[in-house]
Protein backbone atom coordinates (compact mmCIF):
# COMPACT_ATOMS: atom_id res chain seq x y z
CA UNK A 1 0.00 0.00 0.00
CA UNK A 2 1.13 3.50 -0.72
CA UNK A 3 2.64 5.91 1.73
CA UNK A 4 3.63 9.57 1.76
CA UNK A 5 5.85 11.39 4.25
CA UNK A 6 5.86 15.16 4.42
CA UNK A 7 8.81 17.19 5.69
CA UNK A 8 10.34 20.65 5.60
CA UNK A 9 8.02 22.62 7.83
CA UNK A 10 9.17 24.96 10.56
CA UNK A 11 8.91 28.36 12.18
CA UNK A 12 9.52 31.31 9.87
CA UNK A 13 8.99 35.05 10.05
CA UNK A 14 6.49 36.80 7.78
CA UNK A 15 8.03 37.32 4.38
CA UNK A 16 10.20 34.24 4.75
CA UNK A 17 10.36 31.03 2.73
CA UNK A 18 10.15 27.30 3.23
CA UNK A 19 10.34 24.29 0.94
CA UNK A 20 8.13 21.35 1.77
CA UNK A 21 8.76 17.84 0.47
CA UNK A 22 6.53 14.82 0.16
CA UNK A 23 8.31 11.51 -0.31
CA UNK A 24 6.11 8.84 -1.88
CA UNK A 25 6.55 5.09 -1.76
CA UNK A 26 4.61 1.90 -2.42
CA UNK A 27 2.73 3.14 -5.48
CA UNK A 28 3.49 4.36 -8.98
CA UNK A 29 3.95 8.04 -8.12
CA UNK A 30 4.50 9.05 -11.74
CA UNK A 31 0.94 8.27 -12.85
CA UNK A 32 -0.90 10.16 -10.13
CA UNK A 33 -1.79 13.81 -9.88
CA UNK A 34 -0.91 15.24 -6.47
CA UNK A 35 -2.17 18.01 -4.25
CA UNK A 36 -1.11 19.93 -1.18
CA UNK A 37 -3.70 20.80 1.45
CA UNK A 38 -3.41 22.57 4.78
CA UNK A 39 -5.34 22.84 8.00
CA UNK A 40 -5.05 25.79 10.35
CA UNK A 41 -5.96 25.40 14.01
CA UNK A 42 -9.72 25.43 14.43
CA UNK A 43 -10.32 25.59 10.70
CA UNK A 44 -11.31 23.11 8.05
CA UNK A 45 -9.00 21.44 5.61
CA UNK A 46 -8.16 23.70 2.65
CA UNK A 47 -6.83 22.69 -0.74
CA UNK A 48 -3.70 24.73 -1.62
CA UNK A 49 -2.09 23.44 -4.82
CA UNK A 50 -2.42 20.75 -7.49
CA UNK A 51 -0.06 19.29 -10.07
CA UNK A 52 -0.85 16.77 -12.77
CA UNK A 53 1.07 13.52 -13.14
CA UNK A 54 3.53 14.86 -15.69
CA UNK A 55 4.12 18.12 -13.86
CA UNK A 56 2.97 20.34 -16.72
CA UNK A 57 -0.27 21.63 -15.19
CA UNK A 58 -0.55 23.37 -11.83
CA UNK A 59 -3.33 25.14 -9.96
CA UNK A 60 -3.34 27.17 -6.76
CA UNK A 61 -5.90 28.54 -4.40
CA UNK A 62 -6.21 32.29 -4.94
CA UNK A 63 -4.70 33.18 -1.56
CA UNK A 64 -1.32 31.63 -2.46
CA UNK A 65 -1.20 32.34 -6.19
CA UNK A 66 2.10 33.98 -7.06
CA UNK A 67 3.69 33.07 -3.71
CA UNK A 68 3.71 29.25 -3.74
CA UNK A 69 5.12 26.90 -6.36
CA UNK A 70 4.30 23.22 -6.68
CA UNK A 71 6.64 20.84 -8.49
CA UNK A 72 7.52 17.17 -8.62
CA UNK A 73 10.42 14.90 -9.42
CA UNK A 74 8.99 11.63 -10.69
CA UNK A 75 12.42 10.03 -10.82
CA UNK A 76 12.79 10.65 -7.08
CA UNK A 77 9.10 9.99 -6.23
CA UNK A 78 8.98 13.36 -4.53
CA UNK A 79 6.53 16.25 -4.53
CA UNK A 80 7.53 19.76 -3.48
CA UNK A 81 5.86 22.96 -2.37
CA UNK A 82 7.94 26.14 -2.34
CA UNK A 83 6.44 28.71 -0.01
CA UNK A 84 7.63 32.29 -0.50
CA UNK A 85 6.48 35.63 0.94
CA UNK A 86 4.86 33.77 3.79
CA UNK A 87 2.06 35.38 5.77
CA UNK A 88 0.75 34.61 9.24
CA UNK A 89 -2.41 33.23 7.66
CA UNK A 90 -0.33 30.53 5.96
CA UNK A 91 0.20 28.90 9.35
CA UNK A 92 -1.09 25.34 9.51
CA UNK A 93 -0.27 21.71 9.03
CA UNK A 94 0.46 20.92 5.40
CA UNK A 95 -0.40 17.57 3.82
CA UNK A 96 0.26 16.04 0.44
CA UNK A 97 -2.53 13.88 -0.90
CA UNK A 98 -3.60 11.99 -3.99
CA UNK A 99 -6.80 13.27 -5.60
CA UNK A 100 -9.31 10.68 -6.78
CA UNK A 101 -10.15 12.80 -9.81
CA UNK A 102 -8.45 15.43 -11.90
CA UNK A 103 -9.45 18.95 -11.05
CA UNK A 104 -9.49 22.01 -13.25
CA UNK A 105 -8.64 24.92 -11.02
CA UNK A 106 -10.93 24.85 -8.02
CA UNK A 107 -9.84 21.59 -6.46
CA UNK A 108 -11.67 19.89 -3.60
CA UNK A 109 -10.83 20.33 0.06
CA UNK A 110 -12.74 17.36 1.45
CA UNK A 111 -10.69 14.45 2.70
CA UNK A 112 -13.10 12.08 0.95
CA UNK A 113 -11.93 13.40 -2.42
CA UNK A 114 -8.46 11.95 -1.81
CA UNK A 115 -7.31 8.37 -1.56
CA UNK A 116 -7.30 7.40 2.12
CA UNK A 117 -4.05 5.46 1.84
CA UNK A 118 -2.26 8.54 0.54
CA UNK A 119 -2.30 10.69 3.67
CA UNK A 120 0.76 11.33 5.77
CA UNK A 121 1.24 12.92 9.17
CA UNK A 122 1.70 16.36 7.69
CA UNK A 123 4.35 18.97 8.37
CA UNK A 124 3.74 22.04 10.52
CA UNK A 125 4.32 25.51 9.09
CA UNK A 126 4.22 28.39 11.57
CA UNK A 127 4.58 31.94 10.35
CA UNK A 128 5.13 34.33 13.21
CA UNK A 129 7.29 37.27 14.18
C-alpha atoms as a PDB file:
ATOM      1  CA  UNK A   1       0.000   0.000   0.000  1.00  0.00           C
ATOM      2  CA  UNK A   2       1.134   3.504  -0.722  1.00  0.00           C
ATOM      3  CA  UNK A   3       2.635   5.908   1.728  1.00  0.00           C
ATOM      4  CA  UNK A   4       3.633   9.574   1.756  1.00  0.00           C
ATOM      5  CA  UNK A   5       5.848  11.391   4.246  1.00  0.00           C
ATOM      6  CA  UNK A   6       5.859  15.162   4.416  1.00  0.00           C
ATOM      7  CA  UNK A   7       8.806  17.190   5.695  1.00  0.00           C
ATOM      8  CA  UNK A   8      10.338  20.648   5.598  1.00  0.00           C
ATOM      9  CA  UNK A   9       8.022  22.616   7.827  1.00  0.00           C
ATOM     10  CA  UNK A  10       9.168  24.961  10.559  1.00  0.00           C
ATOM     11  CA  UNK A  11       8.912  28.362  12.176  1.00  0.00           C
ATOM     12  CA  UNK A  12       9.516  31.306   9.871  1.00  0.00           C
ATOM     13  CA  UNK A  13       8.994  35.051  10.048  1.00  0.00           C
ATOM     14  CA  UNK A  14       6.487  36.799   7.784  1.00  0.00           C
ATOM     15  CA  UNK A  15       8.029  37.316   4.381  1.00  0.00           C
ATOM     16  CA  UNK A  16      10.199  34.237   4.749  1.00  0.00           C
ATOM     17  CA  UNK A  17      10.357  31.033   2.734  1.00  0.00           C
ATOM     18  CA  UNK A  18      10.154  27.299   3.226  1.00  0.00           C
ATOM     19  CA  UNK A  19      10.344  24.291   0.935  1.00  0.00           C
ATOM     20  CA  UNK A  20       8.128  21.349   1.773  1.00  0.00           C
ATOM     21  CA  UNK A  21       8.764  17.844   0.467  1.00  0.00           C
ATOM     22  CA  UNK A  22       6.528  14.824   0.159  1.00  0.00           C
ATOM     23  CA  UNK A  23       8.308  11.510  -0.310  1.00  0.00           C
ATOM     24  CA  UNK A  24       6.108   8.844  -1.877  1.00  0.00           C
ATOM     25  CA  UNK A  25       6.555   5.094  -1.757  1.00  0.00           C
ATOM     26  CA  UNK A  26       4.610   1.901  -2.418  1.00  0.00           C
ATOM     27  CA  UNK A  27       2.730   3.142  -5.482  1.00  0.00           C
ATOM     28  CA  UNK A  28       3.495   4.361  -8.981  1.00  0.00           C
ATOM     29  CA  UNK A  29       3.953   8.041  -8.116  1.00  0.00           C
ATOM     30  CA  UNK A  30       4.497   9.052 -11.737  1.00  0.00           C
ATOM     31  CA  UNK A  31       0.936   8.269 -12.850  1.00  0.00           C
ATOM     32  CA  UNK A  32      -0.904  10.158 -10.127  1.00  0.00           C
ATOM     33  CA  UNK A  33      -1.793  13.815  -9.878  1.00  0.00           C
ATOM     34  CA  UNK A  34      -0.911  15.239  -6.471  1.00  0.00           C
ATOM     35  CA  UNK A  35      -2.170  18.010  -4.249  1.00  0.00           C
ATOM     36  CA  UNK A  36      -1.107  19.929  -1.177  1.00  0.00           C
ATOM     37  CA  UNK A  37      -3.702  20.796   1.450  1.00  0.00           C
ATOM     38  CA  UNK A  38      -3.412  22.567   4.784  1.00  0.00           C
ATOM     39  CA  UNK A  39      -5.338  22.845   7.998  1.00  0.00           C
ATOM     40  CA  UNK A  40      -5.046  25.787  10.347  1.00  0.00           C
ATOM     41  CA  UNK A  41      -5.959  25.402  14.012  1.00  0.00           C
ATOM     42  CA  UNK A  42      -9.717  25.431  14.433  1.00  0.00           C
ATOM     43  CA  UNK A  43     -10.324  25.587  10.701  1.00  0.00           C
ATOM     44  CA  UNK A  44     -11.315  23.114   8.049  1.00  0.00           C
ATOM     45  CA  UNK A  45      -9.004  21.436   5.606  1.00  0.00           C
ATOM     46  CA  UNK A  46      -8.159  23.697   2.654  1.00  0.00           C
ATOM     47  CA  UNK A  47      -6.826  22.688  -0.739  1.00  0.00           C
ATOM     48  CA  UNK A  48      -3.701  24.727  -1.619  1.00  0.00           C
ATOM     49  CA  UNK A  49      -2.087  23.440  -4.822  1.00  0.00           C
ATOM     50  CA  UNK A  50      -2.419  20.752  -7.493  1.00  0.00           C
ATOM     51  CA  UNK A  51      -0.056  19.288 -10.073  1.00  0.00           C
ATOM     52  CA  UNK A  52      -0.848  16.765 -12.774  1.00  0.00           C
ATOM     53  CA  UNK A  53       1.069  13.517 -13.143  1.00  0.00           C
ATOM     54  CA  UNK A  54       3.525  14.863 -15.689  1.00  0.00           C
ATOM     55  CA  UNK A  55       4.118  18.124 -13.865  1.00  0.00           C
ATOM     56  CA  UNK A  56       2.965  20.340 -16.724  1.00  0.00           C
ATOM     57  CA  UNK A  57      -0.273  21.630 -15.185  1.00  0.00           C
ATOM     58  CA  UNK A  58      -0.555  23.367 -11.830  1.00  0.00           C
ATOM     59  CA  UNK A  59      -3.335  25.137  -9.964  1.00  0.00           C
ATOM     60  CA  UNK A  60      -3.338  27.169  -6.761  1.00  0.00           C
ATOM     61  CA  UNK A  61      -5.904  28.542  -4.397  1.00  0.00           C
ATOM     62  CA  UNK A  62      -6.209  32.289  -4.941  1.00  0.00           C
ATOM     63  CA  UNK A  63      -4.702  33.176  -1.561  1.00  0.00           C
ATOM     64  CA  UNK A  64      -1.317  31.632  -2.457  1.00  0.00           C
ATOM     65  CA  UNK A  65      -1.202  32.342  -6.194  1.00  0.00           C
ATOM     66  CA  UNK A  66       2.102  33.975  -7.059  1.00  0.00           C
ATOM     67  CA  UNK A  67       3.689  33.069  -3.715  1.00  0.00           C
ATOM     68  CA  UNK A  68       3.707  29.251  -3.739  1.00  0.00           C
ATOM     69  CA  UNK A  69       5.125  26.899  -6.362  1.00  0.00           C
ATOM     70  CA  UNK A  70       4.301  23.217  -6.682  1.00  0.00           C
ATOM     71  CA  UNK A  71       6.635  20.838  -8.487  1.00  0.00           C
ATOM     72  CA  UNK A  72       7.525  17.169  -8.625  1.00  0.00           C
ATOM     73  CA  UNK A  73      10.424  14.897  -9.422  1.00  0.00           C
ATOM     74  CA  UNK A  74       8.988  11.631 -10.691  1.00  0.00           C
ATOM     75  CA  UNK A  75      12.421  10.026 -10.819  1.00  0.00           C
ATOM     76  CA  UNK A  76      12.789  10.647  -7.080  1.00  0.00           C
ATOM     77  CA  UNK A  77       9.100   9.986  -6.230  1.00  0.00           C
ATOM     78  CA  UNK A  78       8.976  13.358  -4.526  1.00  0.00           C
ATOM     79  CA  UNK A  79       6.526  16.247  -4.530  1.00  0.00           C
ATOM     80  CA  UNK A  80       7.534  19.760  -3.477  1.00  0.00           C
ATOM     81  CA  UNK A  81       5.863  22.965  -2.369  1.00  0.00           C
ATOM     82  CA  UNK A  82       7.944  26.140  -2.340  1.00  0.00           C
ATOM     83  CA  UNK A  83       6.444  28.706  -0.010  1.00  0.00           C
ATOM     84  CA  UNK A  84       7.628  32.290  -0.497  1.00  0.00           C
ATOM     85  CA  UNK A  85       6.476  35.631   0.939  1.00  0.00           C
ATOM     86  CA  UNK A  86       4.855  33.769   3.788  1.00  0.00           C
ATOM     87  CA  UNK A  87       2.063  35.382   5.773  1.00  0.00           C
ATOM     88  CA  UNK A  88       0.750  34.614   9.238  1.00  0.00           C
ATOM     89  CA  UNK A  89      -2.412  33.233   7.658  1.00  0.00           C
ATOM     90  CA  UNK A  90      -0.326  30.530   5.956  1.00  0.00           C
ATOM     91  CA  UNK A  91       0.196  28.896   9.351  1.00  0.00           C
ATOM     92  CA  UNK A  92      -1.086  25.341   9.514  1.00  0.00           C
ATOM     93  CA  UNK A  93      -0.268  21.709   9.027  1.00  0.00           C
ATOM     94  CA  UNK A  94       0.462  20.916   5.398  1.00  0.00           C
ATOM     95  CA  UNK A  95      -0.395  17.573   3.821  1.00  0.00           C
ATOM     96  CA  UNK A  96       0.262  16.044   0.440  1.00  0.00           C
ATOM     97  CA  UNK A  97      -2.527  13.880  -0.897  1.00  0.00           C
ATOM     98  CA  UNK A  98      -3.601  11.990  -3.990  1.00  0.00           C
ATOM     99  CA  UNK A  99      -6.803  13.265  -5.599  1.00  0.00           C
ATOM    100  CA  UNK A 100      -9.311  10.676  -6.783  1.00  0.00           C
ATOM    101  CA  UNK A 101     -10.152  12.797  -9.815  1.00  0.00           C
ATOM    102  CA  UNK A 102      -8.454  15.429 -11.897  1.00  0.00           C
ATOM    103  CA  UNK A 103      -9.450  18.955 -11.050  1.00  0.00           C
ATOM    104  CA  UNK A 104      -9.490  22.008 -13.252  1.00  0.00           C
ATOM    105  CA  UNK A 105      -8.641  24.918 -11.015  1.00  0.00           C
ATOM    106  CA  UNK A 106     -10.934  24.845  -8.015  1.00  0.00           C
ATOM    107  CA  UNK A 107      -9.843  21.594  -6.462  1.00  0.00           C
ATOM    108  CA  UNK A 108     -11.668  19.892  -3.605  1.00  0.00           C
ATOM    109  CA  UNK A 109     -10.834  20.328   0.058  1.00  0.00           C
ATOM    110  CA  UNK A 110     -12.738  17.358   1.453  1.00  0.00           C
ATOM    111  CA  UNK A 111     -10.691  14.452   2.703  1.00  0.00           C
ATOM    112  CA  UNK A 112     -13.103  12.081   0.953  1.00  0.00           C
ATOM    113  CA  UNK A 113     -11.932  13.401  -2.417  1.00  0.00           C
ATOM    114  CA  UNK A 114      -8.462  11.955  -1.815  1.00  0.00           C
ATOM    115  CA  UNK A 115      -7.315   8.368  -1.561  1.00  0.00           C
ATOM    116  CA  UNK A 116      -7.303   7.397   2.116  1.00  0.00           C
ATOM    117  CA  UNK A 117      -4.048   5.460   1.841  1.00  0.00           C
ATOM    118  CA  UNK A 118      -2.258   8.542   0.543  1.00  0.00           C
ATOM    119  CA  UNK A 119      -2.304  10.692   3.671  1.00  0.00           C
ATOM    120  CA  UNK A 120       0.761  11.327   5.768  1.00  0.00           C
ATOM    121  CA  UNK A 121       1.236  12.922   9.169  1.00  0.00           C
ATOM    122  CA  UNK A 122       1.702  16.356   7.690  1.00  0.00           C
ATOM    123  CA  UNK A 123       4.354  18.966   8.366  1.00  0.00           C
ATOM    124  CA  UNK A 124       3.740  22.044  10.518  1.00  0.00           C
ATOM    125  CA  UNK A 125       4.324  25.513   9.095  1.00  0.00           C
ATOM    126  CA  UNK A 126       4.217  28.387  11.572  1.00  0.00           C
ATOM    127  CA  UNK A 127       4.578  31.939  10.349  1.00  0.00           C
ATOM    128  CA  UNK A 128       5.129  34.334  13.211  1.00  0.00           C
ATOM    129  CA  UNK A 129       7.291  37.266  14.177  1.00  0.00           C
END
